[in-house]
N, C-alpha and C. Protein backbone atom coordinates (compact mmCIF):
# COMPACT_ATOMS: atom_id res chain seq x y z
N UNK A 1 -169.89 67.77 -72.38
CA UNK A 1 -168.90 66.79 -72.78
C UNK A 1 -169.01 66.47 -74.28
N UNK A 2 -170.21 66.18 -74.75
CA UNK A 2 -170.41 65.74 -76.13
C UNK A 2 -169.93 66.77 -77.15
N UNK A 3 -170.13 68.05 -76.87
CA UNK A 3 -169.84 69.08 -77.87
C UNK A 3 -168.43 69.66 -77.80
N UNK A 4 -167.69 69.35 -76.73
CA UNK A 4 -166.33 69.90 -76.62
C UNK A 4 -165.31 68.84 -76.20
N UNK A 5 -165.59 68.09 -75.16
CA UNK A 5 -164.58 67.22 -74.58
C UNK A 5 -164.52 65.81 -75.16
N UNK A 6 -165.55 65.37 -75.82
CA UNK A 6 -165.52 64.06 -76.48
C UNK A 6 -164.34 64.05 -77.45
N UNK A 7 -163.58 62.97 -77.53
CA UNK A 7 -162.41 62.96 -78.42
C UNK A 7 -162.72 63.31 -79.88
N UNK A 8 -163.87 62.89 -80.39
CA UNK A 8 -164.23 63.23 -81.76
C UNK A 8 -164.59 64.71 -81.88
N UNK A 9 -165.29 65.24 -80.88
CA UNK A 9 -165.61 66.67 -80.88
C UNK A 9 -164.33 67.49 -80.81
N UNK A 10 -163.40 67.04 -79.99
CA UNK A 10 -162.11 67.71 -79.87
C UNK A 10 -161.42 67.79 -81.23
N UNK A 11 -161.47 66.71 -81.99
CA UNK A 11 -160.83 66.69 -83.32
C UNK A 11 -161.49 67.70 -84.25
N UNK A 12 -162.81 67.83 -84.14
CA UNK A 12 -163.52 68.80 -84.99
C UNK A 12 -163.13 70.22 -84.61
N UNK A 13 -163.18 70.56 -83.33
CA UNK A 13 -162.76 71.91 -82.89
C UNK A 13 -161.31 72.17 -83.29
N UNK A 14 -160.46 71.19 -83.06
CA UNK A 14 -159.04 71.32 -83.39
C UNK A 14 -158.84 71.59 -84.88
N UNK A 15 -159.57 70.90 -85.72
CA UNK A 15 -159.48 71.10 -87.17
C UNK A 15 -159.75 72.56 -87.53
N UNK A 16 -160.86 73.10 -87.05
CA UNK A 16 -161.23 74.46 -87.43
C UNK A 16 -160.34 75.51 -86.78
N UNK A 17 -159.93 75.28 -85.56
CA UNK A 17 -159.05 76.25 -84.90
C UNK A 17 -157.67 76.23 -85.54
N UNK A 18 -157.19 75.07 -85.95
CA UNK A 18 -155.89 74.99 -86.62
C UNK A 18 -155.92 75.60 -88.01
N UNK A 19 -157.08 75.64 -88.65
CA UNK A 19 -157.19 76.26 -89.97
C UNK A 19 -156.73 77.72 -89.91
N UNK A 20 -157.02 78.38 -88.80
CA UNK A 20 -156.63 79.78 -88.68
C UNK A 20 -155.28 79.94 -87.98
N UNK A 21 -154.65 78.83 -87.65
CA UNK A 21 -153.29 78.88 -87.15
C UNK A 21 -153.14 79.15 -85.67
N UNK A 22 -154.13 78.78 -84.87
CA UNK A 22 -154.01 78.98 -83.43
C UNK A 22 -153.05 77.94 -82.85
N UNK A 23 -151.97 78.38 -82.23
CA UNK A 23 -151.01 77.43 -81.67
C UNK A 23 -151.48 76.88 -80.32
N UNK A 24 -150.96 75.75 -79.93
CA UNK A 24 -151.18 75.20 -78.60
C UNK A 24 -152.64 75.01 -78.24
N UNK A 25 -153.41 74.43 -79.13
CA UNK A 25 -154.82 74.19 -78.88
C UNK A 25 -155.00 73.15 -77.77
N UNK A 26 -155.84 73.45 -76.80
CA UNK A 26 -156.22 72.50 -75.75
C UNK A 26 -157.72 72.63 -75.52
N UNK A 27 -158.30 71.65 -74.86
CA UNK A 27 -159.73 71.72 -74.55
C UNK A 27 -160.05 73.00 -73.79
N UNK A 28 -159.22 73.36 -72.84
CA UNK A 28 -159.51 74.56 -72.05
C UNK A 28 -159.38 75.83 -72.86
N UNK A 29 -158.73 75.76 -74.02
CA UNK A 29 -158.56 76.98 -74.82
C UNK A 29 -159.64 77.17 -75.88
N UNK A 30 -160.58 76.22 -76.01
CA UNK A 30 -161.62 76.36 -77.03
C UNK A 30 -162.35 77.67 -76.85
N UNK A 31 -162.81 77.92 -75.64
CA UNK A 31 -163.56 79.16 -75.38
C UNK A 31 -162.70 80.38 -75.70
N UNK A 32 -161.46 80.39 -75.26
CA UNK A 32 -160.59 81.53 -75.50
C UNK A 32 -160.34 81.72 -77.00
N UNK A 33 -160.14 80.63 -77.73
CA UNK A 33 -159.92 80.73 -79.17
C UNK A 33 -161.16 81.24 -79.89
N UNK A 34 -162.32 80.73 -79.50
CA UNK A 34 -163.55 81.15 -80.15
C UNK A 34 -163.86 82.60 -79.82
N UNK A 35 -163.74 82.96 -78.55
CA UNK A 35 -164.02 84.34 -78.14
C UNK A 35 -162.97 85.29 -78.71
N UNK A 36 -161.73 84.83 -78.85
CA UNK A 36 -160.65 85.69 -79.31
C UNK A 36 -160.49 85.76 -80.81
N UNK A 37 -161.54 85.46 -81.57
CA UNK A 37 -161.44 85.44 -83.03
C UNK A 37 -160.97 86.76 -83.61
N UNK A 38 -161.22 87.86 -82.93
CA UNK A 38 -160.83 89.17 -83.48
C UNK A 38 -159.32 89.31 -83.60
N UNK A 39 -158.58 88.54 -82.82
CA UNK A 39 -157.13 88.68 -82.85
C UNK A 39 -156.48 87.92 -84.00
N UNK A 40 -157.25 87.11 -84.72
CA UNK A 40 -156.68 86.35 -85.82
C UNK A 40 -156.72 87.18 -87.10
N UNK A 41 -155.65 87.14 -87.89
CA UNK A 41 -155.63 87.89 -89.16
C UNK A 41 -156.47 87.15 -90.21
N UNK A 42 -157.71 87.56 -90.36
CA UNK A 42 -158.63 86.89 -91.27
C UNK A 42 -159.04 87.80 -92.41
N UNK A 43 -159.31 87.20 -93.56
CA UNK A 43 -159.87 87.95 -94.68
C UNK A 43 -161.31 88.30 -94.34
N UNK A 44 -161.94 89.11 -95.18
CA UNK A 44 -163.35 89.46 -94.95
C UNK A 44 -164.20 88.19 -94.94
N UNK A 45 -163.91 87.26 -95.84
CA UNK A 45 -164.66 86.00 -95.89
C UNK A 45 -164.38 85.17 -94.64
N UNK A 46 -163.12 85.07 -94.27
CA UNK A 46 -162.75 84.31 -93.08
C UNK A 46 -163.41 84.87 -91.83
N UNK A 47 -163.47 86.18 -91.73
CA UNK A 47 -164.11 86.84 -90.60
C UNK A 47 -165.58 86.45 -90.52
N UNK A 48 -166.29 86.50 -91.64
CA UNK A 48 -167.71 86.16 -91.66
C UNK A 48 -167.93 84.68 -91.30
N UNK A 49 -167.10 83.80 -91.83
CA UNK A 49 -167.23 82.38 -91.51
C UNK A 49 -166.89 82.10 -90.05
N UNK A 50 -165.82 82.73 -89.56
CA UNK A 50 -165.39 82.49 -88.18
C UNK A 50 -166.46 82.91 -87.18
N UNK A 51 -167.20 83.97 -87.51
CA UNK A 51 -168.28 84.42 -86.61
C UNK A 51 -169.36 83.35 -86.48
N UNK A 52 -169.54 82.53 -87.49
CA UNK A 52 -170.60 81.52 -87.48
C UNK A 52 -170.14 80.17 -86.95
N UNK A 53 -168.86 79.91 -86.91
CA UNK A 53 -168.36 78.60 -86.48
C UNK A 53 -168.74 78.23 -85.04
N UNK A 54 -168.74 79.17 -84.08
CA UNK A 54 -169.13 78.77 -82.72
C UNK A 54 -170.55 78.20 -82.64
N UNK A 55 -171.39 78.51 -83.61
CA UNK A 55 -172.73 77.91 -83.66
C UNK A 55 -172.76 76.71 -84.60
N UNK A 56 -172.04 76.79 -85.70
CA UNK A 56 -172.07 75.72 -86.70
C UNK A 56 -171.41 74.44 -86.20
N UNK A 57 -170.35 74.56 -85.41
CA UNK A 57 -169.66 73.36 -84.93
C UNK A 57 -170.54 72.55 -83.97
N UNK A 58 -171.10 73.15 -82.91
CA UNK A 58 -171.98 72.34 -82.05
C UNK A 58 -173.19 71.78 -82.80
N UNK A 59 -173.74 72.55 -83.73
CA UNK A 59 -174.88 72.06 -84.51
C UNK A 59 -174.46 70.84 -85.33
N UNK A 60 -173.30 70.91 -85.97
CA UNK A 60 -172.82 69.78 -86.77
C UNK A 60 -172.56 68.54 -85.92
N UNK A 61 -171.98 68.76 -84.73
CA UNK A 61 -171.72 67.64 -83.83
C UNK A 61 -173.02 67.02 -83.33
N UNK A 62 -173.98 67.87 -82.98
CA UNK A 62 -175.27 67.36 -82.49
C UNK A 62 -176.01 66.60 -83.59
N UNK A 63 -175.96 67.12 -84.80
CA UNK A 63 -176.59 66.45 -85.94
C UNK A 63 -175.95 65.07 -86.16
N UNK A 64 -174.63 65.00 -86.09
CA UNK A 64 -173.93 63.72 -86.25
C UNK A 64 -174.29 62.76 -85.12
N UNK A 65 -174.36 63.27 -83.90
CA UNK A 65 -174.76 62.47 -82.74
C UNK A 65 -176.14 61.87 -82.95
N UNK A 66 -177.09 62.70 -83.38
CA UNK A 66 -178.46 62.22 -83.59
C UNK A 66 -178.53 61.18 -84.71
N UNK A 67 -177.72 61.36 -85.75
CA UNK A 67 -177.70 60.38 -86.85
C UNK A 67 -177.19 59.03 -86.36
N UNK A 68 -176.25 59.04 -85.44
CA UNK A 68 -175.72 57.80 -84.87
C UNK A 68 -176.76 57.14 -83.97
N UNK A 69 -177.32 57.93 -83.06
CA UNK A 69 -178.25 57.40 -82.07
C UNK A 69 -179.57 56.95 -82.69
N UNK A 70 -180.14 57.77 -83.56
CA UNK A 70 -181.49 57.51 -84.06
C UNK A 70 -181.54 56.81 -85.42
N UNK A 71 -180.46 56.86 -86.17
CA UNK A 71 -180.48 56.24 -87.51
C UNK A 71 -179.42 55.16 -87.68
N UNK A 72 -178.62 54.93 -86.64
CA UNK A 72 -177.60 53.89 -86.71
C UNK A 72 -176.45 54.19 -87.67
N UNK A 73 -176.26 55.46 -88.01
CA UNK A 73 -175.18 55.82 -88.93
C UNK A 73 -173.84 55.75 -88.22
N UNK A 74 -172.79 55.65 -89.01
CA UNK A 74 -171.42 55.62 -88.49
C UNK A 74 -170.85 57.04 -88.57
N UNK A 75 -170.13 57.44 -87.52
CA UNK A 75 -169.54 58.77 -87.49
C UNK A 75 -168.48 58.88 -88.59
N UNK A 76 -168.60 59.91 -89.41
CA UNK A 76 -167.65 60.16 -90.48
C UNK A 76 -167.14 61.59 -90.32
N UNK A 77 -165.90 61.71 -89.91
CA UNK A 77 -165.31 63.02 -89.62
C UNK A 77 -165.37 63.95 -90.83
N UNK A 78 -165.08 63.44 -92.01
CA UNK A 78 -165.10 64.28 -93.21
C UNK A 78 -166.50 64.82 -93.49
N UNK A 79 -167.53 64.01 -93.24
CA UNK A 79 -168.91 64.48 -93.43
C UNK A 79 -169.25 65.58 -92.44
N UNK A 80 -168.78 65.44 -91.21
CA UNK A 80 -169.03 66.47 -90.19
C UNK A 80 -168.34 67.77 -90.59
N UNK A 81 -167.09 67.69 -91.01
CA UNK A 81 -166.39 68.90 -91.48
C UNK A 81 -167.17 69.57 -92.60
N UNK A 82 -167.59 68.76 -93.59
CA UNK A 82 -168.33 69.30 -94.73
C UNK A 82 -169.63 69.98 -94.29
N UNK A 83 -170.40 69.32 -93.43
CA UNK A 83 -171.68 69.89 -92.97
C UNK A 83 -171.47 71.20 -92.22
N UNK A 84 -170.45 71.26 -91.40
CA UNK A 84 -170.16 72.49 -90.65
C UNK A 84 -169.77 73.61 -91.61
N UNK A 85 -168.92 73.30 -92.58
CA UNK A 85 -168.52 74.32 -93.56
C UNK A 85 -169.72 74.83 -94.35
N UNK A 86 -170.58 73.92 -94.77
CA UNK A 86 -171.76 74.32 -95.55
C UNK A 86 -172.68 75.20 -94.71
N UNK A 87 -172.92 74.81 -93.46
CA UNK A 87 -173.78 75.63 -92.60
C UNK A 87 -173.18 77.01 -92.36
N UNK A 88 -171.90 77.07 -92.03
CA UNK A 88 -171.27 78.37 -91.78
C UNK A 88 -171.35 79.23 -93.04
N UNK A 89 -171.10 78.64 -94.19
CA UNK A 89 -171.18 79.38 -95.45
C UNK A 89 -172.60 79.86 -95.72
N UNK A 90 -173.58 78.97 -95.59
CA UNK A 90 -174.97 79.36 -95.86
C UNK A 90 -175.44 80.44 -94.90
N UNK A 91 -175.00 80.39 -93.66
CA UNK A 91 -175.37 81.42 -92.69
C UNK A 91 -174.65 82.74 -92.96
N UNK A 92 -173.61 82.72 -93.78
CA UNK A 92 -172.81 83.92 -94.07
C UNK A 92 -173.13 84.54 -95.42
N UNK A 93 -174.05 83.99 -96.17
CA UNK A 93 -174.25 84.39 -97.56
C UNK A 93 -174.60 85.85 -97.77
N UNK A 94 -175.14 86.54 -96.79
CA UNK A 94 -175.55 87.92 -96.98
C UNK A 94 -174.44 88.89 -97.33
N UNK A 95 -173.28 88.83 -96.66
CA UNK A 95 -172.23 89.80 -96.93
C UNK A 95 -171.73 89.76 -98.38
N UNK A 96 -171.44 90.92 -98.92
CA UNK A 96 -170.97 91.05 -100.30
C UNK A 96 -169.67 90.29 -100.56
N UNK A 97 -168.89 90.03 -99.54
CA UNK A 97 -167.59 89.37 -99.75
C UNK A 97 -167.74 87.96 -100.31
N UNK A 98 -168.96 87.41 -100.32
CA UNK A 98 -169.17 86.06 -100.84
C UNK A 98 -169.80 86.03 -102.23
N UNK A 99 -169.94 87.18 -102.86
CA UNK A 99 -170.52 87.21 -104.20
C UNK A 99 -169.65 86.37 -105.15
N UNK A 100 -170.28 85.51 -105.92
CA UNK A 100 -169.57 84.67 -106.87
C UNK A 100 -168.98 83.40 -106.30
N UNK A 101 -169.16 83.16 -105.00
CA UNK A 101 -168.63 81.96 -104.37
C UNK A 101 -169.81 81.03 -104.08
N UNK A 102 -169.64 79.74 -104.39
CA UNK A 102 -170.71 78.80 -104.10
C UNK A 102 -170.23 77.74 -103.12
N UNK A 103 -171.13 76.87 -102.73
CA UNK A 103 -170.84 75.87 -101.71
C UNK A 103 -169.66 74.98 -102.08
N UNK A 104 -169.51 74.63 -103.34
CA UNK A 104 -168.40 73.74 -103.71
C UNK A 104 -167.05 74.39 -103.47
N UNK A 105 -166.97 75.73 -103.53
CA UNK A 105 -165.72 76.42 -103.20
C UNK A 105 -165.39 76.29 -101.72
N UNK A 106 -166.41 76.23 -100.90
CA UNK A 106 -166.23 76.22 -99.45
C UNK A 106 -165.80 74.85 -98.93
N UNK A 107 -166.32 73.78 -99.51
CA UNK A 107 -166.04 72.45 -98.95
C UNK A 107 -164.75 71.83 -99.44
N UNK A 108 -164.04 72.48 -100.31
CA UNK A 108 -162.75 71.97 -100.78
C UNK A 108 -161.83 71.81 -99.58
N UNK A 109 -161.18 70.69 -99.49
CA UNK A 109 -160.23 70.46 -98.41
C UNK A 109 -160.84 69.87 -97.16
N UNK A 110 -162.12 69.52 -97.19
CA UNK A 110 -162.70 68.95 -95.96
C UNK A 110 -162.29 67.51 -95.79
């Protein structure tokens, strides 16, 4: 529930799935959208980032959850988006398609 069906988690998944233009997003389609990433027309960079999002999104949500529970922080959607983007980017740094791109390029628009 916490990582997919919670209304805030839903907004996070919806944000990233809508970035690539998936129509008719629903909770039941998260798995299909994530598994079906190959069908989306993505650049080399987008492909590398999309491969990491199914891990980066739950990690970002869990990190935000722990900050709320254990540190009394307030949930900030923009911070969660930023953290997920940074993690996906950092986990993707190996491929040549990211040469010359830094973290500040990735978090624009969060």
